[in-house]
Every structure is written in C-alpha cells, then in structure tokens.
Amino acid sequence: MIIFAKRLLAIVCLSLTIVTARAQQVDLFKLQDSTNAADNKTLGNEPVINTFYSTRLVNSHTVEILGPGSMDFRINHRFSPLNMGLYDMFGLDYASMRMGFDFGLSKNLMVGIGRSTIYKELDGFVKYRVMHQSAGTGAPLSITLLGAMAYRSIDMDPTLKVTGSDRTYYTAQVLIARKFNANTSLQVSPTYTRYNRLIYLTGGAKDLFSVGFLARQKISKRVSINLEYFASTKSFNGTHDPLSVGVDINTGGHVFQLHFTNATGMNEHSFIHETTGSWGKGDIRWGFNISRIFHIGRKK
C-alpha cells in the first residue's frame, strides 16, 4: 500500500509539473454541437458529440471520453444535510470532498485517479468507449465500459484484523446512452460492485448489482438540468438509493455542476451502496463539482 501511495503521489506531482509548464486551455464551448448535430441527415454518419457536458453527471460517469492529450482536474464538494438547521448553516459548516485527475489517452480511452476525504479513500478507473453514436444511419447508441477500484485507507479497529484485500472495492459498469436531439440525452448504467469484506456494514451481501438512470435536458446554449438515480437490487441496512438533481453551467474551459443529493460518497461503490441519507427525512446535501481541462500533449 505504501508503494501504491508513493506512485500515486508521484503521478500527481508529475501531472502538476507538466500542466504548469505546458498547460493550454481547452475551450469546451468550441466543441459544442450545432442545434441539429444529432439528427440532421445531411451530416452523414459523423459521431454525435457532447451527449453530456462532462465525463460525470453528478457522481456517476457518463459515456463521454476525454480527448487525447487532455487532463481533467476535478474537485467534487458535498456539504452536510440541509436538515442540520440554522446553527450549522443548513450543513454549510461541514463538508467532504474528492479531488481527482483524469487523463485522455486516446480517442476512446481514458483513465483517472482520485482521493476522497470520506474514509480517506484512494480510487482509480479505466474507461473505454466501444461504440460511438453517429448521426444519420450510423450507430444509434454510445456504449462505454468502466472498471474502477477503491482502497479505504482510514485507520480501523485493530481487532478486526483488516487486510489490504478487505479494504479494496471493485466496480464494473456498462454505460449506454443516446442523444435524442440537441437538448435531450438519456443513459442507463448496469453496475456490478464487489465488496471483499463488509466493514462497518451489515446486510450479508458482497456482490451487489444496481442500475443507474441519467438524464440531461439543455435549457439554454450553456446550461442543462440533470437527473441521476441508482436502484440497487439489494441494499445494506440503513442505506438508501442515491438520487441527485442538478444544473450544469458550461463556461468554456470550466464546467460548473451544482446539485442537491442524498449521497455523501463520490466514488462508485460509496455513493451507490453506502448512501445513508433520505430525501424524505430532509437528508439532502448541496454540492458542486468543478471540472477544469488542460491540454498536456504536444501541439501538432
């Protein structure tokens, strides 16, 4: 684990060095499609772009892939529940966060690493697009495969005799999306999660299955309304399905994502299966994501 942490730190430092020396802003807005790019027959079979504004909607991955030579520096922030009241400023006095670095390796392949304050988790993922929706008579859907892993590094009760394997969680997803027109996009995400050992959790399940539903509706040239929900086939005691509602604001090099959610976790296993908040009880958290893309490849 120490070796893994050192390698992770080295990668982050190297990334920051490269960005400082050679960073170039990528204007996401220049990549936005025209209002009829998804269904104009005269475009032939050109790939449909920007099914979603970002590679993540709220917590969940979308089918989007970073362009080759790009790095996405992401900060995810979640405040405490609104029902904490005025004394705690409706949850604003307390917060958790995830910081991540995602890299586009090729047209259809990206990887990422991150660290969450919740349980001091390190995570990483590989994401590969196997089908890209095309206009006209081309492919009707975009399909992307995701493999993710998380490691819980928080100190635990020594009497539990926790091993490195016990601290590790795995997730596999198939992300299936369609952009119906310039404004409306939907995604379905069948998901498998593996818990090697149920630490702090009850319910007797190790292999868990869920299905995610994502929706994006543009309301202006740079603003969209988003919905994200995951339904689990089996839940741990005291947990709830995560539901998030938010807004994306595309300003060019940045995408600001503002949302309300009952989830605290920000990587796959934690937000899908470890959400203890309930919308019905007012356990709603305000949060935001900031995505800043840098070009770190050589200019052609």
Protein backbone atom coordinates (compact mmCIF):
# COMPACT_ATOMS: atom_id res chain seq x y z
CA MET A 1 0.00 0.00 0.00
CA ILE A 2 2.88 2.37 0.81
CA ILE A 3 4.37 1.73 -2.63
CA PHE A 4 0.97 2.39 -4.25
CA ALA A 5 0.61 5.67 -2.33
CA LYS A 6 4.10 6.80 -3.35
CA ARG A 7 3.40 6.02 -7.00
CA LEU A 8 0.08 7.86 -6.81
CA LEU A 9 1.79 10.91 -5.30
CA ALA A 10 4.49 10.79 -7.97
CA ILE A 11 1.89 10.72 -10.75
CA VAL A 12 0.04 13.70 -9.26
CA CYS A 13 3.23 15.72 -8.85
CA LEU A 14 4.33 14.90 -12.39
CA SER A 15 0.92 15.93 -13.74
CA LEU A 16 1.06 19.27 -11.93
CA THR A 17 4.58 19.87 -13.23
CA ILE A 18 3.56 19.19 -16.81
CA VAL A 19 0.48 21.39 -16.51
CA THR A 20 2.45 24.26 -15.02
CA ALA A 21 5.00 24.14 -17.79
CA ARG A 22 2.84 23.42 -20.79
CA ALA A 23 -0.83 23.80 -19.88
CA GLN A 24 -3.12 25.12 -22.55
CA GLN A 25 -6.79 25.86 -22.01
CA VAL A 26 -9.23 23.74 -23.96
CA ASP A 27 -12.42 25.67 -24.71
CA LEU A 28 -15.16 23.11 -24.22
CA PHE A 29 -17.72 25.51 -25.64
CA LYS A 30 -16.00 25.40 -29.02
CA LEU A 31 -16.74 21.69 -29.07
CA GLN A 32 -20.48 22.18 -28.58
CA ASP A 33 -22.56 20.80 -31.39
CA SER A 34 -24.97 22.78 -33.53
CA THR A 35 -28.63 22.51 -32.60
CA ASN A 36 -29.24 19.77 -35.15
CA ALA A 37 -25.99 17.78 -35.00
CA ALA A 38 -27.65 14.69 -33.53
CA ASP A 39 -30.41 14.28 -36.11
CA ASN A 40 -29.52 16.21 -39.27
CA LYS A 41 -29.44 13.61 -42.05
CA THR A 42 -27.11 15.73 -44.16
CA LEU A 43 -24.28 15.13 -41.69
CA GLY A 44 -23.94 11.51 -42.83
CA ASN A 45 -22.52 9.20 -40.16
CA GLU A 46 -20.42 11.70 -38.22
CA PRO A 47 -20.07 10.95 -34.48
CA VAL A 48 -22.53 12.71 -32.19
CA ILE A 49 -20.63 14.91 -29.74
CA ASN A 50 -21.49 16.17 -26.27
CA THR A 51 -24.14 13.71 -25.26
CA PHE A 52 -23.34 15.17 -21.84
CA TYR A 53 -21.34 18.28 -20.90
CA SER A 54 -18.81 16.29 -18.86
CA THR A 55 -17.41 12.83 -18.18
CA ARG A 56 -19.51 12.77 -14.98
CA LEU A 57 -23.06 13.95 -14.44
CA VAL A 58 -23.19 14.30 -10.63
CA ASN A 59 -21.37 11.32 -9.12
CA SER A 60 -21.77 8.83 -11.94
CA HIS A 61 -19.66 8.54 -15.05
CA THR A 62 -21.24 9.35 -18.40
CA VAL A 63 -20.33 7.86 -21.78
CA GLU A 64 -18.12 10.87 -22.53
CA ILE A 65 -14.36 10.35 -23.02
CA LEU A 66 -11.65 13.00 -22.63
CA GLY A 67 -9.82 13.91 -25.80
CA PRO A 68 -6.29 12.50 -26.20
CA GLY A 69 -3.65 14.63 -24.54
CA SER A 70 -6.13 16.23 -22.13
CA MET A 71 -6.16 16.27 -18.34
CA ASP A 72 -9.33 17.00 -16.36
CA PHE A 73 -8.67 18.35 -12.87
CA ARG A 74 -11.87 17.73 -10.88
CA ILE A 75 -12.98 18.89 -7.44
CA ASN A 76 -16.19 17.40 -6.01
CA HIS A 77 -17.61 19.03 -2.87
CA ARG A 78 -20.50 17.87 -0.67
CA PHE A 79 -21.83 19.79 2.30
CA SER A 80 -23.70 18.27 5.24
CA PRO A 81 -27.51 17.77 5.18
CA LEU A 82 -29.81 20.78 4.99
CA ASN A 83 -31.81 19.50 7.96
CA MET A 84 -28.93 20.32 10.34
CA GLY A 85 -30.60 23.70 10.78
CA LEU A 86 -29.55 27.32 11.07
CA TYR A 87 -26.91 26.78 13.80
CA ASP A 88 -24.83 24.71 11.34
CA MET A 89 -25.87 26.98 8.47
CA PHE A 90 -28.01 24.22 6.96
CA GLY A 91 -24.97 21.96 6.53
CA LEU A 92 -22.55 24.53 5.11
CA ASP A 93 -20.32 24.36 8.21
CA TYR A 94 -19.19 20.84 7.33
CA ALA A 95 -18.10 19.32 4.05
CA SER A 96 -16.41 16.38 2.36
CA MET A 97 -14.61 16.37 -0.96
CA ARG A 98 -12.91 14.36 -3.67
CA MET A 99 -10.01 15.61 -5.78
CA GLY A 100 -9.18 13.79 -9.00
CA PHE A 101 -7.05 13.84 -12.13
CA ASP A 102 -8.43 12.24 -15.30
CA PHE A 103 -6.38 11.70 -18.45
CA GLY A 104 -7.44 11.16 -22.07
CA LEU A 105 -5.06 8.60 -23.61
CA SER A 106 -6.71 8.12 -26.99
CA LYS A 107 -9.95 8.88 -28.80
CA ASN A 108 -11.77 6.11 -26.92
CA LEU A 109 -9.69 5.54 -23.78
CA MET A 110 -9.22 7.48 -20.55
CA VAL A 111 -8.01 6.77 -17.02
CA GLY A 112 -8.28 8.61 -13.72
CA ILE A 113 -7.15 8.70 -10.10
CA GLY A 114 -8.62 10.43 -7.07
CA ARG A 115 -8.73 10.75 -3.31
CA SER A 116 -11.81 11.27 -1.13
CA THR A 117 -11.87 12.60 2.41
CA ILE A 118 -14.64 10.10 3.30
CA TYR A 119 -12.85 7.07 4.76
CA LYS A 120 -9.65 8.51 3.20
CA GLU A 121 -10.22 6.50 0.05
CA LEU A 122 -7.93 6.32 -2.97
CA ASP A 123 -9.58 5.33 -6.23
CA GLY A 124 -8.76 4.78 -9.88
CA PHE A 125 -10.60 3.83 -13.04
CA VAL A 126 -10.21 2.84 -16.69
CA LYS A 127 -12.87 3.83 -19.20
CA TYR A 128 -13.16 2.64 -22.79
CA ARG A 129 -15.74 3.56 -25.43
CA VAL A 130 -16.73 0.59 -27.61
CA MET A 131 -19.45 2.33 -29.65
CA HIS A 132 -19.99 5.97 -30.55
CA GLN A 133 -23.43 7.20 -31.57
CA SER A 134 -23.47 8.60 -35.10
CA ALA A 135 -25.84 10.89 -36.91
CA GLY A 136 -27.95 9.69 -39.80
CA THR A 137 -27.95 5.91 -40.26
CA GLY A 138 -24.90 5.24 -38.06
CA ALA A 139 -24.68 3.69 -34.58
CA PRO A 140 -27.84 4.52 -32.59
CA LEU A 141 -26.12 4.48 -29.16
CA SER A 142 -22.90 5.28 -27.37
CA ILE A 143 -21.57 2.44 -25.19
CA THR A 144 -18.67 2.83 -22.76
CA LEU A 145 -17.15 0.28 -20.37
CA LEU A 146 -15.86 1.30 -16.94
CA GLY A 147 -13.68 -0.58 -14.47
CA ALA A 148 -13.00 1.11 -11.11
CA MET A 149 -11.21 0.26 -7.88
CA ALA A 150 -11.12 1.99 -4.48
CA TYR A 151 -8.90 1.49 -1.43
CA ARG A 152 -10.08 2.56 2.06
CA SER A 153 -7.05 3.79 3.98
CA ILE A 154 -8.70 5.08 7.16
CA ASP A 155 -7.46 3.59 10.45
CA MET A 156 -9.68 0.75 11.63
CA ASP A 157 -10.15 -1.23 14.80
CA PRO A 158 -7.06 -3.50 15.02
CA THR A 159 -9.17 -6.31 16.46
CA LEU A 160 -10.91 -6.62 13.07
CA LYS A 161 -7.60 -7.82 11.55
CA VAL A 162 -8.31 -6.00 8.32
CA THR A 163 -6.12 -6.92 5.34
CA GLY A 164 -5.35 -4.89 2.24
CA SER A 165 -7.81 -7.01 0.30
CA ASP A 166 -10.54 -6.23 2.84
CA ARG A 167 -10.04 -2.52 2.19
CA THR A 168 -10.44 -2.83 -1.59
CA TYR A 169 -13.65 -2.43 -3.61
CA TYR A 170 -14.28 -3.09 -7.30
CA THR A 171 -16.92 -1.78 -9.70
CA ALA A 172 -17.73 -2.64 -13.32
CA GLN A 173 -20.24 -0.67 -15.40
CA VAL A 174 -21.70 -0.69 -18.89
CA LEU A 175 -22.71 2.87 -19.79
CA ILE A 176 -25.35 3.01 -22.55
CA ALA A 177 -26.55 6.41 -23.74
CA ARG A 178 -28.39 8.10 -26.57
CA LYS A 179 -28.61 11.76 -27.52
CA PHE A 180 -32.12 12.08 -28.92
CA ASN A 181 -31.69 15.65 -30.12
CA ALA A 182 -29.59 18.72 -29.36
CA ASN A 183 -31.22 19.11 -25.94
CA THR A 184 -32.13 15.69 -24.55
CA SER A 185 -29.83 12.81 -23.56
CA LEU A 186 -30.52 9.64 -21.54
CA GLN A 187 -28.20 6.97 -20.13
CA VAL A 188 -28.69 3.57 -18.48
CA SER A 189 -25.82 2.09 -16.44
CA PRO A 190 -25.97 -1.58 -15.36
CA THR A 191 -23.48 -1.87 -12.49
CA TYR A 192 -21.71 -4.63 -10.54
CA THR A 193 -19.87 -3.93 -7.27
CA ARG A 194 -17.67 -6.29 -5.28
CA TYR A 195 -17.08 -5.89 -1.54
CA ASN A 196 -14.29 -8.18 -0.37
CA ARG A 197 -15.34 -7.76 3.27
CA LEU A 198 -18.26 -5.96 4.87
CA ILE A 199 -16.51 -3.49 7.15
CA TYR A 200 -18.86 -1.29 9.20
CA LEU A 201 -21.76 -2.54 7.07
CA THR A 202 -24.43 -5.19 7.58
CA GLY A 203 -26.82 -6.97 5.30
CA GLY A 204 -24.84 -10.03 4.29
CA ALA A 205 -24.14 -9.03 0.67
CA LYS A 206 -20.78 -8.97 -1.08
CA ASP A 207 -21.65 -8.99 -4.77
CA LEU A 208 -24.10 -6.17 -5.45
CA PHE A 209 -25.96 -5.16 -8.59
CA SER A 210 -27.62 -1.87 -9.46
CA VAL A 211 -28.90 0.10 -12.44
CA GLY A 212 -28.27 3.80 -12.92
CA PHE A 213 -30.51 6.20 -14.81
CA LEU A 214 -29.08 9.53 -16.03
CA ALA A 215 -30.86 12.32 -17.88
CA ARG A 216 -29.73 15.66 -19.30
CA GLN A 217 -32.04 18.38 -20.64
CA LYS A 218 -30.50 21.56 -22.05
CA ILE A 219 -32.44 24.72 -21.31
CA SER A 220 -30.05 27.19 -22.96
CA LYS A 221 -26.87 27.17 -25.02
CA ARG A 222 -24.65 26.62 -21.99
CA VAL A 223 -26.98 25.38 -19.22
CA SER A 224 -28.59 21.98 -18.66
CA ILE A 225 -30.73 20.34 -15.95
CA ASN A 226 -29.56 16.87 -14.83
CA LEU A 227 -31.09 13.91 -13.02
CA GLU A 228 -29.20 10.89 -11.64
CA TYR A 229 -30.67 7.88 -9.83
CA PHE A 230 -29.36 4.38 -8.97
CA ALA A 231 -31.65 1.50 -8.00
CA SER A 232 -29.99 -1.39 -6.13
CA THR A 233 -31.26 -4.97 -6.17
CA LYS A 234 -30.07 -5.42 -2.56
CA SER A 235 -29.19 -2.73 -0.02
CA PHE A 236 -27.23 -2.66 3.21
CA ASN A 237 -29.20 -2.00 6.38
CA GLY A 238 -29.85 1.72 6.82
CA THR A 239 -28.91 2.74 3.27
CA HIS A 240 -30.98 4.33 0.51
CA ASP A 241 -30.82 4.59 -3.26
CA PRO A 242 -28.94 7.77 -4.33
CA LEU A 243 -30.94 10.47 -6.09
CA SER A 244 -29.39 13.69 -7.38
CA VAL A 245 -30.81 16.71 -9.20
CA GLY A 246 -28.53 19.40 -10.58
CA VAL A 247 -27.55 22.03 -13.11
CA ASP A 248 -24.53 22.14 -15.44
CA ILE A 249 -23.09 25.52 -16.44
CA ASN A 250 -20.56 25.40 -19.27
CA THR A 251 -18.31 28.48 -19.28
CA GLY A 252 -15.70 27.28 -21.78
CA GLY A 253 -12.67 25.79 -20.07
CA HIS A 254 -14.74 25.10 -16.94
CA VAL A 255 -17.91 23.15 -16.29
CA PHE A 256 -19.64 24.03 -13.01
CA GLN A 257 -22.04 21.39 -11.73
CA LEU A 258 -24.41 22.43 -8.93
CA HIS A 259 -26.71 19.86 -7.39
CA PHE A 260 -28.74 18.52 -4.47
CA THR A 261 -28.17 14.89 -3.48
CA ASN A 262 -28.70 12.45 -0.61
CA ALA A 263 -25.32 10.82 -1.34
CA THR A 264 -22.14 11.60 0.57
CA GLY A 265 -19.70 9.33 -1.26
CA MET A 266 -18.23 10.38 -4.59
CA ASN A 267 -16.75 7.19 -6.00
CA GLU A 268 -18.76 4.29 -7.39
CA HIS A 269 -19.18 1.85 -4.51
CA SER A 270 -19.66 4.55 -1.84
CA PHE A 271 -22.36 6.64 -3.48
CA ILE A 272 -24.29 3.71 -4.97
CA HIS A 273 -24.34 1.40 -1.93
CA GLU A 274 -23.38 3.49 1.12
CA THR A 275 -25.83 6.40 0.92
CA THR A 276 -27.45 6.73 4.36
CA GLY A 277 -29.35 9.97 3.69
CA SER A 278 -33.04 10.01 2.81
CA TRP A 279 -34.77 12.70 0.77
CA GLY A 280 -37.96 12.03 2.75
CA LYS A 281 -36.20 12.92 6.02
CA GLY A 282 -34.51 16.03 4.65
CA ASP A 283 -31.04 14.43 4.43
CA ILE A 284 -30.32 16.45 1.32
CA ARG A 285 -26.85 17.81 0.66
CA TRP A 286 -25.95 20.74 -1.52
CA GLY A 287 -22.82 20.16 -3.53
CA PHE A 288 -20.83 21.15 -6.56
CA ASN A 289 -18.28 19.77 -9.00
CA ILE A 290 -15.71 21.84 -10.84
CA SER A 291 -14.08 20.45 -13.96
CA ARG A 292 -11.05 22.22 -15.46
CA ILE A 293 -9.50 20.72 -18.57
CA PHE A 294 -5.86 21.26 -19.56
CA HIS A 295 -4.09 20.25 -22.75
CA ILE A 296 -0.85 18.49 -21.78
CA GLY A 297 0.09 16.92 -25.11
CA ARG A 298 2.36 18.40 -27.68
CA LYS A 299 0.98 20.88 -30.15
CA LYS A 300 0.64 19.44 -33.65
